[in-house]
Amino acid sequence: MTVNVWVMGDGVWKDFYSRLANRFHTENPDIQVQIDFIPWDQGHEKLITAAASGSGPDVATDGGRWTAELAAMGALEPLDRYLTPAYRNDFVEAAWETTQWNGHTWGIPQGFTTTGLFYRTDWLRAIGCEHPPQNWQEFKDVAKKMTQHHHFGFSLVGDNSMETTMCWVPFLWQNGGDLLTPDRQHAAFNSEAGVQALQFYVDLYRKDHAVPASALSTKRNDSHQMFLHDIAGMTATGPWFFSEIKREQPDLKYAVAPHPVGKQAATLATTDHIVMLKTAARKQAAWKWIDYVTNPENSQAWSKTAGFIPYRKSGLHDPNFTRDPNYQVLISATQNARAYPTLPEWPQIDNLLSDAIQTALAGKRTPKEALDDAAQEVDEILADSN
């Protein structure tokens, strides 16, 4: 029998999962896993189209932001009946909670990350600083001091993508703001705390000129390249960047610090999921593949390969992670990590928020105007869903 699988990603994803499928078939000769690799920027649209048409694979990876949306469409198979207490309890809570919606488990964590501040240690010494910035004022001061002779203090992602939201949201939380009201009926990101957080962000770019002029078209990979090639001294990103640094600039002088604290410490936790589609023809075989991919050995191997942090508790003390001080910063950040709301409407909200951030960065609207406009549309979306 054949289990059809969509894996989002290429490069390291393709190499790892091709080998994993071969090993799985050796151990389970009655099951053949057929994998199609889908670029991440096409994944959401392809899954939504497949869900609407009732076609698609048996199993897929998805950005955890899409899981509730797909579940609400009736596209996913709830996985509760396959779970044992021992299996469920071995997952890091911040990762597991992203799989929950409407009283059911709709996916299994497949990759888990927090984000932090990557900074150039040689640049920091050059401006006379003994430690990375620990609060917003220090962050602004360091970014401004690093900005000289075509070098910039900070590279942010402003290309109106999901990474644009990911880069800014920790600032919102650090300033005491939130994305939605506690009942999830209204937008909350346009509060005074949210406006202040976006103003701080915009000022880095438009007033302090501590961010490259290309920020409005900067993608996450562009931001990484600026850090690697002496254009920016700091960037906010996650552990997936480690493998890129080792590959392209193994001698780079850098370190990772927690995000600078505003009113409180906060970072973003993101989780990719592996899901089973409702239309899967052989659900038991599909679950066998999911269970194999996410078992302790393979999940840990994937975290090491892709540059994630362990998402199973049994892997948190792996010396491959604990002996690396940069990894330790990101693992410790799980104490202050928050995930996006698990809502079917989140992809729409994410799009509106990233557009508001870019609009404010471009100076087309003030931070308050941009966030208020987005909040009005979000409130309408949430009202319609209820």
Protein backbone atom coordinates (compact mmCIF):
# COMPACT_ATOMS: atom_id res chain seq x y z
CA MET A 1 0.00 0.00 0.00
CA THR A 2 1.09 3.59 -0.61
CA VAL A 3 0.89 6.61 1.70
CA ASN A 4 1.05 9.87 -0.24
CA VAL A 5 2.84 12.63 1.64
CA TRP A 6 3.42 16.33 1.03
CA VAL A 7 6.49 17.74 2.76
CA MET A 8 6.87 21.51 2.76
CA GLY A 9 10.42 22.57 2.02
CA ASP A 10 13.36 21.60 -0.12
CA GLY A 11 17.10 21.29 0.40
CA VAL A 12 17.64 19.86 3.87
CA TRP A 13 13.97 18.82 4.07
CA LYS A 14 14.26 16.80 0.86
CA ASP A 15 17.49 15.09 1.85
CA PHE A 16 16.30 14.15 5.33
CA TYR A 17 12.80 12.95 4.46
CA SER A 18 13.92 10.98 1.41
CA ARG A 19 16.31 9.01 3.61
CA LEU A 20 13.67 8.65 6.31
CA ALA A 21 11.12 7.27 3.84
CA ASN A 22 13.64 4.68 2.63
CA ARG A 23 14.34 3.53 6.19
CA PHE A 24 10.62 3.41 6.97
CA HIS A 25 9.98 1.19 3.94
CA THR A 26 12.81 -1.14 4.99
CA GLU A 27 11.19 -1.54 8.40
CA ASN A 28 7.64 -1.63 6.97
CA PRO A 29 7.93 -3.36 3.58
CA ASP A 30 4.15 -3.44 3.11
CA ILE A 31 3.96 0.39 3.10
CA GLN A 32 5.46 2.62 0.42
CA VAL A 33 5.76 6.34 1.22
CA GLN A 34 5.51 8.58 -1.84
CA ILE A 35 6.71 12.11 -1.04
CA ASP A 36 6.11 15.29 -3.03
CA PHE A 37 8.17 18.27 -1.87
CA ILE A 38 6.32 21.59 -1.93
CA PRO A 39 8.02 24.99 -1.52
CA TRP A 40 6.92 26.67 1.70
CA ASP A 41 5.61 29.74 -0.11
CA GLN A 42 3.21 27.52 -2.08
CA GLY A 43 2.23 25.20 0.76
CA HIS A 44 -0.72 27.08 2.23
CA GLU A 45 -2.43 27.68 -1.10
CA LYS A 46 -1.94 24.08 -2.23
CA LEU A 47 -3.33 22.64 1.00
CA ILE A 48 -6.35 24.95 0.97
CA THR A 49 -7.04 24.06 -2.67
CA ALA A 50 -6.70 20.35 -1.91
CA ALA A 51 -9.00 20.68 1.09
CA ALA A 52 -11.66 22.50 -0.92
CA SER A 53 -11.59 19.88 -3.68
CA GLY A 54 -11.38 16.85 -1.41
CA SER A 55 -8.14 15.79 -3.05
CA GLY A 56 -4.57 15.97 -1.89
CA PRO A 57 -2.21 13.71 0.04
CA ASP A 58 -2.83 11.38 2.96
CA VAL A 59 -0.34 13.19 5.20
CA ALA A 60 1.19 16.65 4.98
CA THR A 61 3.42 19.01 6.89
CA ASP A 62 1.94 22.43 7.51
CA GLY A 63 3.00 25.65 9.12
CA GLY A 64 1.24 25.35 12.47
CA ARG A 65 -0.55 28.62 11.68
CA TRP A 66 -2.70 26.75 9.11
CA THR A 67 -3.83 23.77 11.16
CA ALA A 68 -6.97 25.23 12.73
CA GLU A 69 -8.00 26.73 9.39
CA LEU A 70 -7.74 23.33 7.70
CA ALA A 71 -9.53 21.62 10.59
CA ALA A 72 -12.41 24.11 10.41
CA MET A 73 -12.76 23.32 6.70
CA GLY A 74 -13.25 19.66 7.60
CA ALA A 75 -10.03 18.77 5.79
CA LEU A 76 -8.17 17.08 8.66
CA GLU A 77 -8.59 13.85 10.59
CA PRO A 78 -8.56 14.35 14.39
CA LEU A 79 -5.71 12.33 15.86
CA ASP A 80 -6.97 11.83 19.44
CA ARG A 81 -7.70 8.12 19.04
CA TYR A 82 -4.09 7.36 18.11
CA LEU A 83 -2.55 9.03 21.16
CA THR A 84 -1.42 7.35 24.36
CA PRO A 85 -0.76 9.39 27.52
CA ALA A 86 2.95 8.52 27.38
CA TYR A 87 3.19 9.71 23.78
CA ARG A 88 1.32 12.96 24.37
CA ASN A 89 3.10 13.82 27.63
CA ASP A 90 6.56 13.68 26.07
CA PHE A 91 5.91 16.80 23.98
CA VAL A 92 6.96 20.26 25.15
CA GLU A 93 3.76 22.00 26.24
CA ALA A 94 4.31 25.17 24.21
CA ALA A 95 4.61 23.01 21.08
CA TRP A 96 1.71 20.68 21.88
CA GLU A 97 -0.82 23.43 22.62
CA THR A 98 -0.54 24.68 19.03
CA THR A 99 -2.08 21.41 17.80
CA GLN A 100 -5.27 21.91 19.81
CA TRP A 101 -8.48 23.41 18.45
CA ASN A 102 -12.13 22.90 19.31
CA GLY A 103 -11.37 20.14 21.80
CA HIS A 104 -9.30 17.92 19.49
CA THR A 105 -5.71 17.27 18.41
CA TRP A 106 -5.31 18.05 14.70
CA GLY A 107 -1.59 17.60 14.18
CA ILE A 108 1.64 16.47 15.80
CA PRO A 109 4.56 18.87 16.33
CA GLN A 110 7.25 18.33 13.74
CA GLY A 111 9.48 21.31 14.32
CA PHE A 112 9.64 23.74 17.24
CA THR A 113 11.50 27.01 17.53
CA THR A 114 11.81 30.16 19.55
CA THR A 115 13.56 33.28 18.33
CA GLY A 116 16.32 35.42 19.78
CA LEU A 117 18.72 38.24 18.98
CA PHE A 118 21.67 37.15 16.84
CA TYR A 119 24.47 39.72 17.13
CA ARG A 120 27.98 40.18 15.83
CA THR A 121 30.37 39.98 18.77
CA ASP A 122 33.15 41.73 16.83
CA TRP A 123 30.85 44.65 15.97
CA LEU A 124 29.76 44.90 19.60
CA ARG A 125 33.36 45.13 20.80
CA ALA A 126 34.16 47.68 18.11
CA ILE A 127 31.61 50.13 19.54
CA GLY A 128 32.84 49.57 23.09
CA CYS A 129 29.97 47.46 24.44
CA GLU A 130 30.71 44.64 26.86
CA HIS A 131 27.40 42.80 26.58
CA PRO A 132 24.51 42.52 24.12
CA PRO A 133 21.56 44.88 24.59
CA GLN A 134 19.30 43.77 27.41
CA ASN A 135 16.45 46.27 27.09
CA TRP A 136 14.87 48.41 24.39
CA GLN A 137 16.91 51.52 25.12
CA GLU A 138 20.17 49.59 25.00
CA PHE A 139 19.00 47.90 21.81
CA LYS A 140 18.31 51.25 20.13
CA ASP A 141 21.63 52.68 21.36
CA VAL A 142 23.61 49.69 20.09
CA ALA A 143 21.79 49.69 16.74
CA LYS A 144 22.54 53.39 16.23
CA LYS A 145 26.21 53.02 17.21
CA MET A 146 26.65 50.08 14.84
CA THR A 147 25.18 52.14 11.98
CA GLN A 148 28.10 53.74 10.16
CA HIS A 149 29.94 53.52 6.83
CA HIS A 150 27.22 51.52 5.03
CA HIS A 151 26.82 49.18 7.99
CA PHE A 152 23.53 48.99 9.89
CA GLY A 153 22.63 48.00 13.41
CA PHE A 154 19.62 45.81 12.73
CA SER A 155 18.06 44.00 9.78
CA LEU A 156 14.31 43.56 10.01
CA VAL A 157 11.91 41.71 7.72
CA GLY A 158 9.44 44.13 6.13
CA ASP A 159 8.35 42.44 2.90
CA ASN A 160 4.69 42.03 3.96
CA SER A 161 4.94 38.28 4.57
CA MET A 162 4.30 36.03 7.54
CA GLU A 163 7.95 36.64 8.53
CA THR A 164 7.15 40.36 8.79
CA THR A 165 4.64 39.56 11.53
CA MET A 166 6.98 37.05 13.17
CA CYS A 167 9.74 39.65 13.45
CA TRP A 168 7.53 42.31 15.07
CA VAL A 169 5.20 40.33 17.36
CA PRO A 170 7.83 39.79 20.12
CA PHE A 171 8.07 43.60 20.43
CA LEU A 172 4.29 43.76 20.91
CA TRP A 173 4.38 41.18 23.70
CA GLN A 174 7.49 42.68 25.30
CA ASN A 175 5.62 45.98 25.63
CA GLY A 176 2.70 44.30 27.39
CA GLY A 177 0.43 44.16 24.34
CA ASP A 178 -1.44 41.23 22.85
CA LEU A 179 -2.76 40.12 19.49
CA LEU A 180 -6.39 39.52 20.48
CA THR A 181 -8.64 40.11 23.47
CA PRO A 182 -8.82 37.21 25.97
CA ASP A 183 -12.14 36.03 24.51
CA ARG A 184 -10.61 36.15 20.99
CA GLN A 185 -13.54 38.23 19.76
CA HIS A 186 -11.62 41.41 18.93
CA ALA A 187 -8.20 42.65 17.87
CA ALA A 188 -5.99 43.93 20.69
CA PHE A 189 -2.79 44.74 18.80
CA ASN A 190 -3.92 48.36 18.28
CA SER A 191 -3.82 49.10 22.01
CA GLU A 192 -1.52 51.82 23.32
CA ALA A 193 1.10 49.12 23.98
CA GLY A 194 0.81 47.90 20.39
CA VAL A 195 1.06 51.39 18.91
CA GLN A 196 4.14 52.12 21.03
CA ALA A 197 5.76 48.85 19.94
CA LEU A 198 5.20 49.59 16.26
CA GLN A 199 6.37 53.19 16.70
CA PHE A 200 9.61 51.91 18.25
CA TYR A 201 10.04 49.57 15.27
CA VAL A 202 9.28 52.27 12.70
CA ASP A 203 11.65 54.73 14.39
CA LEU A 204 14.55 52.30 14.06
CA TYR A 205 13.99 52.45 10.30
CA ARG A 206 12.68 55.93 9.50
CA LYS A 207 14.14 58.11 12.28
CA ASP A 208 17.31 56.39 13.46
CA HIS A 209 18.19 54.93 10.04
CA ALA A 210 19.63 51.93 11.88
CA VAL A 211 17.97 49.53 9.42
CA PRO A 212 18.93 49.08 5.73
CA ALA A 213 16.86 51.17 3.32
CA SER A 214 15.71 47.98 1.58
CA ALA A 215 13.68 46.90 4.64
CA LEU A 216 10.33 47.09 2.84
CA SER A 217 11.41 44.33 0.46
CA THR A 218 13.62 42.40 2.88
CA LYS A 219 12.70 38.74 3.26
CA ARG A 220 13.96 36.54 6.08
CA ASN A 221 16.71 35.06 3.91
CA ASP A 222 17.76 38.57 2.87
CA SER A 223 18.01 39.53 6.52
CA HIS A 224 20.23 36.52 7.14
CA GLN A 225 22.49 37.45 4.25
CA MET A 226 22.88 40.99 5.59
CA PHE A 227 24.04 39.56 8.90
CA LEU A 228 26.41 37.11 7.22
CA HIS A 229 27.99 39.65 4.89
CA ASP A 230 28.77 42.64 7.10
CA ILE A 231 25.69 44.72 6.30
CA ALA A 232 23.83 44.35 9.62
CA GLY A 233 25.17 43.71 13.10
CA MET A 234 21.99 42.27 14.63
CA THR A 235 18.97 40.32 13.44
CA ALA A 236 16.06 38.56 15.14
CA THR A 237 15.63 34.98 13.98
CA GLY A 238 15.60 31.37 15.11
CA PRO A 239 17.82 28.28 15.33
CA TRP A 240 17.29 27.39 11.67
CA PHE A 241 19.93 30.09 11.02
CA PHE A 242 22.69 28.04 12.69
CA SER A 243 23.10 25.63 9.78
CA GLU A 244 23.23 28.53 7.32
CA ILE A 245 25.99 30.22 9.32
CA LYS A 246 28.00 26.99 9.52
CA ARG A 247 27.62 26.44 5.79
CA GLU A 248 28.36 29.97 4.55
CA GLN A 249 30.43 31.70 7.25
CA PRO A 250 31.78 29.09 9.68
CA ASP A 251 34.25 31.57 11.21
CA LEU A 252 31.69 34.32 11.79
CA LYS A 253 32.07 35.99 15.18
CA TYR A 254 28.55 36.00 16.59
CA ALA A 255 26.42 34.95 19.53
CA VAL A 256 22.75 34.74 20.47
CA ALA A 257 21.04 36.64 23.28
CA PRO A 258 17.45 36.76 24.51
CA HIS A 259 15.31 39.44 22.90
CA PRO A 260 15.86 42.75 24.70
CA VAL A 261 13.24 43.24 27.39
CA GLY A 262 10.60 45.95 27.15
CA LYS A 263 8.13 45.87 30.02
CA GLN A 264 8.57 42.10 30.12
CA ALA A 265 10.50 39.29 28.44
CA ALA A 266 8.80 37.59 25.50
CA THR A 267 9.58 35.65 22.36
CA LEU A 268 7.63 33.84 19.67
CA ALA A 269 7.25 30.07 19.65
CA THR A 270 6.50 28.57 16.25
CA THR A 271 5.65 24.97 15.52
CA ASP A 272 5.31 23.06 12.27
CA HIS A 273 2.83 20.19 12.31
CA ILE A 274 2.39 16.91 10.52
CA VAL A 275 -1.30 16.31 9.80
CA MET A 276 -3.51 13.56 8.38
CA LEU A 277 -6.09 14.58 5.82
CA LYS A 278 -9.68 13.44 6.24
CA THR A 279 -9.57 11.85 2.80
CA ALA A 280 -6.61 9.58 3.65
CA ALA A 281 -7.47 6.18 2.21
CA ARG A 282 -5.38 4.14 4.64
CA LYS A 283 -5.48 5.98 7.92
CA GLN A 284 -3.71 3.35 10.02
CA ALA A 285 -0.78 3.30 7.60
CA ALA A 286 -0.80 7.10 7.52
CA TRP A 287 -0.61 7.20 11.32
CA LYS A 288 2.22 4.68 11.28
CA TRP A 289 4.23 7.13 9.16
CA ILE A 290 3.34 10.08 11.43
CA ASP A 291 4.33 8.07 14.50
CA TYR A 292 7.62 7.09 12.84
CA VAL A 293 8.49 10.66 11.83
CA THR A 294 7.80 12.02 15.32
CA ASN A 295 9.30 9.24 17.45
CA PRO A 296 12.03 10.37 19.87
CA GLU A 297 14.94 9.24 17.69
CA ASN A 298 13.71 10.73 14.41
CA SER A 299 12.32 13.92 15.93
CA GLN A 300 15.65 14.57 17.61
CA ALA A 301 17.57 13.84 14.41
CA TRP A 302 15.31 16.25 12.52
CA SER A 303 15.78 19.00 15.11
CA LYS A 304 19.55 18.66 14.79
CA THR A 305 19.44 18.59 10.99
CA ALA A 306 17.03 21.48 10.46
CA GLY A 307 18.23 23.67 13.31
CA PHE A 308 15.15 23.40 15.52
CA ILE A 309 15.11 23.02 19.27
CA PRO A 310 13.86 19.74 20.78
CA TYR A 311 10.09 19.48 20.90
CA ARG A 312 9.99 16.24 22.88
CA LYS A 313 10.84 16.47 26.56
CA SER A 314 13.03 13.39 26.30
CA GLY A 315 15.35 15.35 24.00
CA LEU A 316 15.76 18.54 26.02
CA HIS A 317 18.91 17.31 27.76
CA ASP A 318 20.65 16.05 24.64
CA PRO A 319 24.29 17.26 24.90
CA ASN A 320 24.23 18.18 21.21
CA PHE A 321 22.00 21.06 22.30
CA THR A 322 22.91 21.70 25.94
CA ARG A 323 26.64 22.14 25.32
CA ASP A 324 26.02 24.88 22.75
CA PRO A 325 25.46 28.19 24.60
CA ASN A 326 23.60 29.69 21.64
CA TYR A 327 21.15 26.81 21.53
CA GLN A 328 20.77 27.09 25.28
CA VAL A 329 19.60 30.70 24.94
CA LEU A 330 16.81 29.63 22.60
CA ILE A 331 15.86 26.60 24.70
CA SER A 332 15.72 28.77 27.84
CA ALA A 333 13.53 31.22 25.93
CA THR A 334 10.70 28.66 25.98
CA GLN A 335 9.98 29.97 29.50
CA ASN A 336 8.86 33.28 27.97
CA ALA A 337 7.64 31.93 24.63
CA ARG A 338 4.14 32.51 23.32
CA ALA A 339 2.46 31.07 20.25
CA TYR A 340 -0.01 32.65 17.88
CA PRO A 341 -3.70 32.08 18.71
CA THR A 342 -4.92 28.75 17.37
CA LEU A 343 -7.76 30.02 15.21
CA PRO A 344 -9.05 29.16 11.72
CA GLU A 345 -8.95 32.88 10.95
CA TRP A 346 -5.31 33.34 11.92
CA PRO A 347 -3.84 33.29 8.37
CA GLN A 348 -6.17 36.18 7.42
CA ILE A 349 -5.26 38.07 10.60
CA ASP A 350 -1.57 37.45 9.95
CA ASN A 351 -1.88 38.92 6.45
CA LEU A 352 -3.65 42.04 7.72
CA LEU A 353 -1.09 42.55 10.46
CA SER A 354 1.92 42.15 8.17
CA ASP A 355 0.34 44.66 5.78
CA ALA A 356 -0.17 47.13 8.64
CA ILE A 357 3.46 46.76 9.74
CA GLN A 358 4.75 47.39 6.23
CA THR A 359 2.36 50.32 5.71
CA ALA A 360 3.69 51.99 8.87
CA LEU A 361 7.31 51.27 7.95
CA ALA A 362 6.69 52.88 4.55
CA GLY A 363 5.29 56.00 6.23
CA LYS A 364 1.96 55.70 4.41
CA ARG A 365 0.08 55.61 7.71
CA THR A 366 1.08 56.30 11.30
CA PRO A 367 1.49 53.19 13.46
CA LYS A 368 -1.85 53.97 15.16
CA GLU A 369 -3.67 54.46 11.86
CA ALA A 370 -2.19 51.30 10.33
CA LEU A 371 -3.02 49.15 13.36
CA ASP A 372 -6.51 50.65 13.76
CA ASP A 373 -7.29 49.94 10.10
CA ALA A 374 -6.14 46.33 10.47
CA ALA A 375 -8.01 45.92 13.77
CA GLN A 376 -11.28 47.02 12.18
CA GLU A 377 -10.93 44.35 9.49
CA VAL A 378 -9.92 41.71 12.02
CA ASP A 379 -12.98 42.50 14.15
CA GLU A 380 -15.19 42.03 11.09
CA ILE A 381 -13.55 38.68 10.30
CA LEU A 382 -13.99 37.45 13.87
CA ALA A 383 -17.60 38.67 14.00
CA ASP A 384 -18.40 36.83 10.76
CA SER A 385 -16.82 33.63 12.07
CA ASN A 386 -19.04 33.75 15.16
